[in-house]
Protein backbone atom coordinates (compact mmCIF):
# COMPACT_ATOMS: atom_id res chain seq x y z
CA MET A 1 -76.94 -157.47 52.01
CA VAL A 2 -75.91 -154.90 49.84
CA LYS A 3 -72.33 -156.18 49.69
CA TYR A 4 -73.80 -159.39 48.63
CA LYS A 5 -75.99 -158.00 45.85
CA TRP A 6 -72.94 -155.93 44.58
CA LEU A 7 -70.68 -159.01 44.30
CA MET A 8 -73.59 -161.11 42.71
CA CYS A 9 -74.01 -158.34 40.03
CA LEU A 10 -70.25 -158.32 39.28
CA LEU A 11 -70.32 -161.94 38.81
CA ALA A 12 -73.15 -161.62 36.58
CA LEU A 13 -71.44 -159.18 34.34
CA VAL A 14 -68.27 -161.12 34.08
CA LEU A 15 -70.44 -164.30 33.11
CA ILE A 16 -72.07 -162.39 30.26
CA ILE A 17 -69.06 -160.70 28.79
CA PRO A 18 -66.95 -163.11 26.66
CA SER A 19 -63.52 -163.90 27.86
CA VAL A 20 -60.84 -161.93 26.05
CA SER A 21 -57.42 -162.08 25.52
CA SER A 22 -54.92 -159.23 26.19
CA GLU A 23 -52.33 -160.29 23.25
CA THR A 24 -51.14 -158.10 20.64
CA ILE A 25 -50.36 -159.79 17.27
CA SER A 26 -48.51 -158.18 14.54
CA VAL A 27 -49.81 -158.07 10.68
CA TRP A 28 -48.40 -157.50 7.63
CA THR A 29 -50.70 -156.38 4.75
CA TRP A 30 -50.36 -154.79 1.37
CA TYR A 31 -53.54 -152.84 1.85
CA GLU A 32 -52.71 -149.03 2.05
CA SER A 33 -54.40 -145.69 1.95
CA ALA A 34 -57.97 -145.93 1.87
CA LEU A 35 -58.26 -149.86 2.01
CA GLY A 36 -55.60 -149.89 4.66
CA GLN A 37 -57.52 -147.50 6.71
CA ILE A 38 -60.71 -149.47 6.34
CA LEU A 39 -58.92 -152.68 7.43
CA ARG A 40 -57.55 -150.91 10.48
CA ASP A 41 -60.99 -149.64 11.55
CA LEU A 42 -62.75 -152.77 11.23
CA VAL A 43 -60.26 -154.62 13.23
CA LYS A 44 -60.15 -151.75 15.97
CA ASN A 45 -63.82 -151.44 16.01
CA GLU A 46 -65.07 -155.15 15.57
CA PHE A 47 -62.33 -157.61 15.81
CA THR A 48 -60.41 -156.42 18.95
CA PRO A 49 -63.65 -155.53 21.04
CA LYS A 50 -64.92 -159.04 20.32
CA THR A 51 -61.71 -160.90 21.11
CA GLY A 52 -59.49 -158.63 22.97
CA ILE A 53 -56.60 -159.19 20.85
CA GLU A 54 -54.92 -155.91 19.86
CA VAL A 55 -53.42 -155.76 16.18
CA GLU A 56 -50.43 -153.94 14.94
CA ILE A 57 -50.80 -153.58 11.06
CA LEU A 58 -48.00 -152.84 9.24
CA THR A 59 -48.36 -151.92 5.35
CA VAL A 60 -45.76 -153.68 3.06
CA PRO A 61 -45.76 -153.45 -0.72
CA ILE A 62 -46.85 -156.68 -2.14
CA GLU A 63 -44.03 -157.06 -4.48
CA ASP A 64 -41.50 -156.88 -1.56
CA MET A 65 -43.55 -159.01 1.06
CA THR A 66 -42.02 -162.38 0.18
CA ASN A 67 -38.30 -161.10 0.65
CA LYS A 68 -39.01 -158.91 3.43
CA LEU A 69 -40.75 -161.87 5.21
CA LEU A 70 -37.89 -164.22 4.75
CA LEU A 71 -35.38 -161.69 6.15
CA ALA A 72 -37.67 -161.06 9.02
CA TYR A 73 -38.21 -164.82 9.54
CA LEU A 74 -34.45 -165.40 9.41
CA GLY A 75 -33.74 -162.73 11.92
CA GLY A 76 -36.35 -163.52 14.41
CA ASP A 77 -38.62 -160.34 13.83
CA ALA A 78 -41.41 -161.89 11.30
CA PRO A 79 -44.98 -160.68 11.95
CA ASP A 80 -47.63 -163.19 13.24
CA VAL A 81 -49.75 -163.13 10.14
CA VAL A 82 -48.90 -162.19 6.87
CA GLU A 83 -50.67 -161.63 3.40
CA LEU A 84 -49.07 -163.07 0.44
CA TYR A 85 -49.86 -163.84 -3.14
CA SER A 86 -50.94 -167.33 -3.55
CA ASN A 87 -48.06 -168.63 -5.82
CA THR A 88 -45.64 -167.96 -2.97
CA ALA A 89 -47.19 -169.72 -0.04
CA VAL A 90 -46.33 -173.32 -0.74
CA GLU A 91 -42.68 -173.05 -1.18
CA LEU A 92 -42.56 -170.71 1.94
CA GLY A 93 -44.60 -173.31 3.96
CA ILE A 94 -42.50 -176.32 2.81
CA ARG A 95 -39.48 -174.35 3.94
CA GLY A 96 -41.05 -174.13 7.55
CA ALA A 97 -41.77 -170.51 7.47
CA LEU A 98 -45.66 -170.79 7.47
CA VAL A 99 -48.11 -172.90 9.80
CA ASN A 100 -49.88 -175.84 8.38
CA LEU A 101 -53.53 -174.63 8.95
CA ASN A 102 -54.84 -178.15 8.53
CA THR A 103 -53.64 -178.36 12.20
CA MET A 104 -55.87 -175.53 13.53
CA GLU A 105 -59.22 -176.01 15.18
CA ASP A 106 -62.08 -175.28 12.90
CA ILE A 107 -60.24 -175.52 9.59
CA GLY A 108 -62.97 -177.90 8.27
CA LEU A 109 -65.79 -175.07 8.77
CA ILE A 110 -63.46 -172.40 7.46
CA LYS A 111 -62.89 -174.38 4.15
CA GLU A 112 -66.73 -174.66 3.48
CA ASP A 113 -66.81 -171.04 2.78
CA PHE A 114 -64.61 -171.35 -0.21
CA ASN A 115 -64.71 -172.85 -3.69
CA PRO A 116 -62.48 -175.94 -3.29
CA MET A 117 -60.84 -175.44 -6.63
CA LEU A 118 -58.95 -172.51 -4.99
CA LEU A 119 -57.26 -174.51 -2.16
CA PRO A 120 -54.71 -176.82 -4.49
CA ALA A 121 -52.89 -173.57 -5.13
CA LEU A 122 -52.13 -173.45 -1.23
CA GLN A 123 -51.79 -177.07 -0.10
CA TYR A 124 -49.15 -179.42 -0.53
CA LYS A 125 -49.67 -183.22 0.18
CA SER A 126 -51.51 -182.91 3.67
CA ALA A 127 -50.52 -179.35 4.55
CA LEU A 128 -52.27 -176.14 3.96
CA TYR A 129 -50.48 -172.97 4.18
CA ALA A 130 -52.94 -170.25 3.63
CA ILE A 131 -56.40 -169.40 3.49
CA PRO A 132 -57.65 -167.58 0.35
CA GLY A 133 -58.41 -163.83 0.44
CA GLU A 134 -59.26 -161.33 -2.44
CA VAL A 135 -59.62 -163.25 -5.50
CA ASN A 136 -59.35 -162.31 -9.16
CA TRP A 137 -60.92 -164.31 -11.87
CA GLU A 138 -61.32 -163.97 -15.59
CA TRP A 139 -64.42 -162.97 -17.48
CA THR A 140 -65.44 -161.22 -20.64
CA PHE A 141 -65.82 -157.55 -21.14
CA TYR A 142 -67.54 -156.52 -24.19
CA ARG A 143 -69.09 -153.36 -25.93
CA LYS A 144 -72.57 -154.25 -26.14
CA ASP A 145 -73.30 -151.19 -28.42
CA ILE A 146 -70.76 -152.38 -30.98
CA LEU A 147 -71.96 -155.95 -30.79
CA THR A 148 -75.33 -154.90 -31.34
CA GLU A 149 -74.30 -152.97 -34.35
CA ILE A 150 -72.46 -155.68 -35.81
CA GLY A 151 -75.43 -157.83 -35.14
CA VAL A 152 -73.76 -160.47 -32.93
CA ASP A 153 -74.29 -161.74 -29.46
CA ALA A 154 -71.86 -161.94 -26.66
CA PRO A 155 -69.30 -164.69 -27.05
CA VAL A 156 -69.93 -167.91 -24.90
CA THR A 157 -67.29 -170.31 -26.21
CA TRP A 158 -63.93 -170.32 -27.42
CA ASP A 159 -65.44 -171.01 -30.89
CA ASP A 160 -67.58 -167.79 -30.51
CA ILE A 161 -64.43 -165.79 -29.69
CA LYS A 162 -62.76 -167.10 -32.90
CA GLU A 163 -65.64 -166.23 -35.26
CA LEU A 164 -66.12 -163.02 -33.53
CA SER A 165 -62.54 -162.18 -33.99
CA ILE A 166 -62.81 -162.55 -37.57
CA LYS A 167 -65.73 -160.41 -38.01
CA LEU A 168 -64.10 -157.63 -35.60
CA LYS A 169 -60.82 -157.72 -37.89
CA ALA A 170 -62.93 -157.26 -41.00
CA ARG A 171 -63.92 -153.84 -39.29
CA ASP A 172 -60.32 -153.05 -38.15
CA MET A 173 -61.22 -153.90 -34.47
CA GLU A 174 -59.77 -156.56 -32.17
CA THR A 175 -60.49 -159.13 -29.48
CA TYR A 176 -57.91 -159.38 -26.67
CA TYR A 177 -57.01 -162.04 -24.15
CA TYR A 178 -54.84 -161.13 -21.15
CA TYR A 179 -53.77 -162.88 -17.97
CA GLN A 180 -52.27 -160.40 -15.17
CA GLY A 181 -50.29 -161.90 -12.25
CA ASP A 182 -46.77 -163.37 -11.56
CA PRO A 183 -44.49 -162.29 -14.74
CA THR A 184 -43.28 -166.11 -14.64
CA ALA A 185 -46.85 -167.19 -15.19
CA LEU A 186 -48.47 -165.07 -17.97
CA ILE A 187 -48.89 -167.48 -20.42
CA VAL A 188 -49.43 -170.53 -17.96
CA GLY A 189 -52.37 -168.33 -16.77
CA LYS A 190 -53.87 -167.99 -20.49
CA LEU A 191 -53.01 -171.84 -20.91
CA LEU A 192 -54.55 -173.22 -17.81
CA PRO A 193 -58.20 -172.69 -18.74
CA PHE A 194 -57.79 -174.74 -21.92
CA SER A 195 -56.35 -177.50 -19.95
CA PHE A 196 -58.89 -177.38 -17.05
CA GLN A 197 -61.72 -177.17 -20.01
CA ARG A 198 -60.45 -180.35 -21.14
CA GLY A 199 -60.70 -182.10 -17.60
CA THR A 200 -56.78 -182.15 -16.96
CA ASP A 201 -53.98 -180.26 -15.43
CA ILE A 202 -50.46 -179.60 -16.46
CA TYR A 203 -48.91 -181.69 -13.50
CA SER A 204 -49.13 -185.13 -12.68
CA LEU A 205 -51.30 -186.06 -9.61
CA ASP A 206 -48.41 -186.62 -7.40
CA GLY A 207 -46.83 -183.50 -8.34
CA THR A 208 -43.62 -185.08 -9.68
CA ALA A 209 -43.82 -184.46 -13.47
CA SER A 210 -45.34 -182.25 -16.05
CA THR A 211 -48.01 -183.57 -18.23
CA LEU A 212 -47.86 -181.03 -20.89
CA ASP A 213 -47.19 -183.81 -23.42
CA SER A 214 -50.37 -185.45 -22.63
CA PRO A 215 -53.11 -185.65 -25.82
CA GLU A 216 -55.44 -183.26 -23.84
CA ASN A 217 -52.67 -180.57 -22.85
CA ILE A 218 -51.18 -180.65 -26.42
CA ALA A 219 -54.58 -179.82 -27.64
CA ALA A 220 -55.12 -177.25 -25.21
CA PHE A 221 -51.93 -175.56 -26.33
CA LYS A 222 -52.43 -175.69 -29.89
CA GLU A 223 -55.91 -174.09 -29.36
CA LEU A 224 -54.30 -171.32 -27.40
CA THR A 225 -51.51 -170.63 -29.85
CA SER A 226 -53.84 -170.63 -32.70
CA LEU A 227 -55.68 -167.59 -31.20
CA TYR A 228 -52.43 -165.65 -32.15
CA THR A 229 -51.06 -167.70 -35.29
CA GLU A 230 -54.63 -168.34 -37.08
CA TYR A 231 -56.74 -165.50 -35.84
CA LYS A 232 -53.98 -162.71 -35.09
CA MET A 233 -55.12 -161.83 -31.80
CA PRO A 234 -52.76 -159.08 -30.55
CA LEU A 235 -50.21 -159.94 -27.97
CA GLU A 236 -50.41 -156.56 -26.31
CA ASP A 237 -53.26 -153.95 -26.11
CA PRO A 238 -53.75 -150.67 -24.47
CA ILE A 239 -56.68 -152.01 -22.40
CA PHE A 240 -58.46 -149.08 -21.32
CA THR A 241 -58.06 -146.74 -24.32
CA SER A 242 -58.89 -149.39 -26.93
CA PHE A 243 -61.82 -150.51 -24.98
CA THR A 244 -63.05 -147.03 -24.63
CA ASN A 245 -62.36 -146.00 -28.29
CA GLY A 246 -63.90 -149.32 -29.68
CA GLU A 247 -60.68 -150.48 -31.19
CA THR A 248 -60.73 -153.57 -29.03
CA PRO A 249 -64.38 -154.08 -28.08
CA VAL A 250 -64.18 -157.43 -26.58
CA GLN A 251 -61.46 -158.13 -23.81
CA ILE A 252 -60.93 -161.07 -21.55
CA LEU A 253 -59.71 -159.69 -18.20
CA GLN A 254 -59.76 -160.07 -14.51
CA ASN A 255 -62.59 -158.75 -12.43
CA TRP A 256 -60.57 -155.86 -11.22
CA TYR A 257 -60.80 -154.15 -14.32
CA TYR A 258 -64.43 -153.54 -13.82
CA HIS A 259 -63.45 -150.76 -11.56
CA GLY A 260 -60.88 -149.49 -13.98
CA LEU A 261 -63.45 -149.23 -16.59
CA GLU A 262 -65.79 -147.28 -14.34
CA ILE A 263 -63.03 -144.86 -13.50
CA THR A 264 -61.52 -144.36 -16.95
CA ALA A 265 -64.57 -144.58 -19.18
CA PRO A 266 -67.68 -143.01 -17.23
CA ASN A 267 -69.03 -141.87 -20.85
CA LEU A 268 -69.42 -145.76 -21.50
CA LEU A 269 -71.88 -146.40 -18.69
CA GLY A 270 -74.75 -148.58 -20.27
CA LYS A 271 -72.74 -149.27 -23.31
CA TRP A 272 -70.67 -152.20 -21.91
CA ASP A 273 -71.50 -155.33 -20.24
CA LEU A 274 -69.98 -159.00 -19.05
CA ALA A 275 -70.21 -162.55 -19.87
CA LEU A 276 -68.59 -165.79 -18.49
CA PHE A 277 -65.15 -166.49 -19.43
CA PRO A 278 -65.24 -168.29 -22.81
CA GLY A 279 -65.93 -172.12 -22.37
CA THR A 280 -65.59 -175.37 -24.18
CA LYS A 281 -68.51 -177.71 -25.16
CA ARG A 282 -68.58 -180.90 -23.36
CA PRO A 283 -69.63 -184.06 -25.00
CA ASP A 284 -73.15 -183.72 -23.31
CA GLY A 285 -73.68 -180.24 -24.73
CA SER A 286 -73.02 -178.31 -21.76
CA ILE A 287 -70.29 -175.51 -21.47
CA ASP A 288 -67.44 -175.70 -19.31
CA HIS A 289 -66.43 -172.16 -18.10
CA THR A 290 -63.50 -173.04 -15.84
CA ASN A 291 -61.46 -170.18 -15.60
CA THR A 292 -58.45 -169.16 -13.63
CA GLY A 293 -56.83 -166.10 -11.75
CA LYS A 294 -54.86 -165.05 -8.81
CA MET A 295 -55.36 -164.56 -5.26
CA LEU A 296 -54.21 -162.74 -2.09
CA VAL A 297 -54.02 -165.23 0.89
CA TRP A 298 -53.51 -165.04 4.54
CA SER A 299 -51.01 -167.31 6.34
CA ILE A 300 -49.84 -167.53 9.98
CA VAL A 301 -45.98 -167.45 10.27
CA SER A 302 -44.33 -170.52 12.05
CA SER A 303 -42.34 -168.39 14.30
CA SER A 304 -45.35 -166.96 15.92
CA LYS A 305 -45.71 -167.60 19.62
CA LYS A 306 -49.48 -166.23 19.46
CA ARG A 307 -50.80 -168.97 16.96
CA ASP A 308 -54.41 -169.12 18.58
CA ALA A 309 -54.55 -165.35 18.46
CA ALA A 310 -53.43 -165.42 14.99
CA TRP A 311 -55.59 -167.91 13.80
CA GLU A 312 -58.40 -165.91 15.38
CA PHE A 313 -57.53 -162.94 13.21
CA VAL A 314 -57.09 -165.04 10.06
CA LYS A 315 -60.75 -166.63 10.63
CA TYR A 316 -62.12 -163.10 11.02
CA ILE A 317 -60.57 -161.55 8.27
CA ASN A 318 -61.81 -164.26 5.96
CA SER A 319 -65.38 -164.51 7.45
CA SER A 320 -68.61 -163.40 5.61
CA GLU A 321 -69.05 -160.49 7.94
CA PHE A 322 -65.68 -158.98 7.50
CA THR A 323 -65.47 -159.61 3.53
CA SER A 324 -68.98 -158.37 3.07
CA ARG A 325 -68.15 -155.03 5.20
CA PHE A 326 -64.91 -154.60 3.56
CA MET A 327 -66.18 -154.92 -0.03
CA ASN A 328 -68.95 -152.30 0.50
CA LEU A 329 -66.85 -149.98 2.37
CA ALA A 330 -64.10 -150.20 -0.30
CA HIS A 331 -66.72 -149.29 -2.69
CA ALA A 332 -67.92 -146.29 -0.69
CA SER A 333 -64.36 -145.05 0.08
CA SER A 334 -62.64 -142.55 -2.12
CA ASP A 335 -60.77 -145.34 -3.97
CA LYS A 336 -64.38 -146.58 -5.13
CA ALA A 337 -62.84 -150.00 -5.26
CA ARG A 338 -64.56 -152.93 -6.56
CA ILE A 339 -63.12 -156.13 -4.67
CA PHE A 340 -64.30 -159.76 -4.50
CA PHE A 341 -63.10 -161.98 -1.94
CA SER A 342 -62.67 -165.96 -2.03
CA ASN A 343 -65.54 -166.19 0.57
CA LYS A 344 -68.49 -167.33 -1.55
CA ASN A 345 -70.95 -166.21 1.04
CA SER A 346 -70.05 -162.51 0.70
CA ILE A 347 -70.89 -161.98 -2.88
CA ASP A 348 -74.60 -161.39 -2.46
CA SER A 349 -73.68 -158.39 -0.39
CA ALA A 350 -71.54 -156.62 -2.95
CA ILE A 351 -72.91 -153.30 -4.34
CA PHE A 352 -73.42 -154.63 -7.86
CA PRO A 353 -76.23 -154.83 -10.52
CA ASP A 354 -78.00 -158.15 -9.79
CA GLU A 355 -77.10 -159.58 -13.26
CA HIS A 356 -73.43 -159.01 -12.54
CA ILE A 357 -73.77 -160.61 -9.06
CA LEU A 358 -74.89 -163.72 -10.76
CA LEU A 359 -72.09 -163.72 -12.93
CA ALA A 360 -69.71 -163.09 -10.25
CA LYS A 361 -70.91 -165.85 -8.38
CA LYS A 362 -70.58 -168.30 -11.24
CA SER A 363 -67.22 -167.05 -11.92
CA LEU A 364 -66.01 -167.75 -8.56
CA GLU A 365 -67.68 -171.18 -8.68
CA THR A 366 -65.76 -172.10 -12.03
CA CYS A 367 -62.53 -170.58 -10.91
CA ARG A 368 -59.64 -172.91 -10.48
CA MET A 369 -56.27 -171.89 -9.46
CA GLN A 370 -52.90 -173.35 -10.56
CA THR A 371 -51.89 -176.55 -8.48
CA ALA A 372 -48.89 -175.95 -6.49
CA VAL A 373 -45.91 -178.21 -7.15
CA ILE A 374 -42.43 -178.14 -6.01
CA GLY A 375 -40.37 -176.28 -8.64
CA GLY A 376 -43.55 -175.27 -10.48
CA GLN A 377 -42.85 -171.34 -10.51
CA ILE A 378 -39.59 -172.30 -12.20
CA ALA A 379 -40.94 -174.89 -14.76
CA ASN A 380 -43.75 -172.52 -15.80
CA ARG A 381 -41.17 -170.27 -17.99
CA TYR A 382 -40.72 -173.34 -20.24
CA ILE A 383 -44.44 -172.80 -21.27
CA ASP A 384 -43.64 -169.14 -21.87
CA PHE A 385 -40.45 -170.38 -24.25
CA ALA A 386 -42.73 -172.92 -26.08
CA PHE A 387 -45.22 -170.14 -26.48
CA ASN A 388 -42.84 -167.76 -27.83
CA LYS A 389 -41.55 -170.48 -30.25
CA VAL A 390 -44.60 -171.00 -31.84
CA VAL A 391 -46.20 -167.46 -32.01
CA ILE A 392 -43.14 -165.43 -32.63
CA GLN A 393 -40.77 -167.77 -34.33
CA GLY A 394 -43.27 -169.91 -36.27
CA ASP A 395 -42.24 -173.44 -34.55
CA ASP A 396 -44.61 -176.51 -34.48
CA PRO A 397 -46.83 -176.12 -31.39
CA GLU A 398 -46.65 -179.91 -30.51
CA GLY A 399 -43.03 -180.16 -30.82
CA ALA A 400 -42.64 -176.99 -28.74
CA ILE A 401 -44.73 -178.07 -25.85
CA ARG A 402 -43.50 -181.66 -25.75
CA GLN A 403 -40.02 -179.95 -25.29
CA ALA A 404 -41.44 -178.06 -22.56
CA ALA A 405 -42.97 -180.87 -20.87
CA LYS A 406 -39.56 -182.67 -20.91
CA GLU A 407 -37.68 -179.48 -19.37
CA SER A 408 -40.63 -178.72 -16.98
CA THR A 409 -40.29 -182.43 -15.47
CA LEU A 410 -36.21 -182.12 -15.01
CA GLU A 411 -36.74 -178.84 -13.28
CA ILE A 412 -39.68 -180.24 -10.93
CA GLN A 413 -37.42 -183.38 -10.43
CA LYS A 414 -34.38 -181.12 -9.52
CA LYS A 415 -36.43 -179.02 -7.17
CA LEU A 416 -37.75 -182.18 -5.43
CA ARG A 417 -34.24 -183.47 -4.83
CA GLU A 418 -33.49 -179.93 -3.16
CA PHE A 419 -36.52 -179.90 -0.99
CA GLU A 420 -36.38 -183.69 -0.16
CA ARG A 421 -35.42 -183.02 3.61
CA PHE A 422 -38.45 -180.43 4.04
CA ILE A 423 -40.85 -182.61 2.25
CA ASN A 424 -40.22 -185.78 4.34
CA GLU A 425 -41.11 -184.05 7.33
CA LEU A 426 -44.46 -183.32 6.05
């Protein structure tokens, strides 16, 4: 009888403990130092006990990630999961290096946690090659003490930015607009919101051509370049220094600069504030604040023999629970980092002033990433060329952007032919 009771207790214990896997997966991430340790601790203390999946985490500098991944993939030594910049996921995926996550179980539920405007950067036709992770959108930083002294409100629209620029220049001060990201897409990052706010994109729906020569995109390009040709906005600015000393009291920057200003200018506490990315008035009078930015994303490498375990990890690291915990631990760490994730459910848990939480939620809701097209990274450079022709050389903006449309389309068509064998397999 005693033996029987012991067996029954053992059986009950087995039934109440979730089944676990003894698999070990390898993960490449860019997180290092304090952030890397937080990631390792959360995985060790939460993910592994829950799933039984061990995780070997290797830190790889983000600028080296793509090249190292390709070499490891070709050499048969690639990780199971990798953290990438969003603009590299589609071309890696189409070449067969990444798993189409639309084939994974629960993908529909996972997508519900993200602003759908983030996903076009990670998908091509019916394939999705990554899940959004950390996200940087654009919003407006302004010195409220200086604007109060001048007697103006925080800018809401691009028209407000232009008027404010004139008033600030009269006082030897500047307004600055900056996009930080892939060096080949710095001007594209500035242009895209002007296109998005006009209800268009810079590529055709089927991804086979540029639409830069459409009336909407010509108008978008003209407005962008006018900031520099008519309103003489600076092309470069020592962001932290000029914001601190008041020389450039209005700056349109990505959200990670919040942390930078806290660290570099503690003396300005209470003297600066945030506003949404400048918008464009719609015909009904409402304002379109669509902005853009950049993302870090998570992908499963196609050579992985542990896809189910890798998918469990990807789901975990993008869950509301993980992202909420990571954000708060990052801020509590020695780095005092301010990080936002694409998971829209985790923003409410961020240690942030209530009014800035609301702005963060609205900014994420209106953040739209560049649509991925084959050859897009190379085609982007023609927008840079057009911008420089207009702003530096004084060329006609319509002629310059029409030429960019023609050259971008040729580049896309060239790349489509090059990738044809991969695309046909989708």
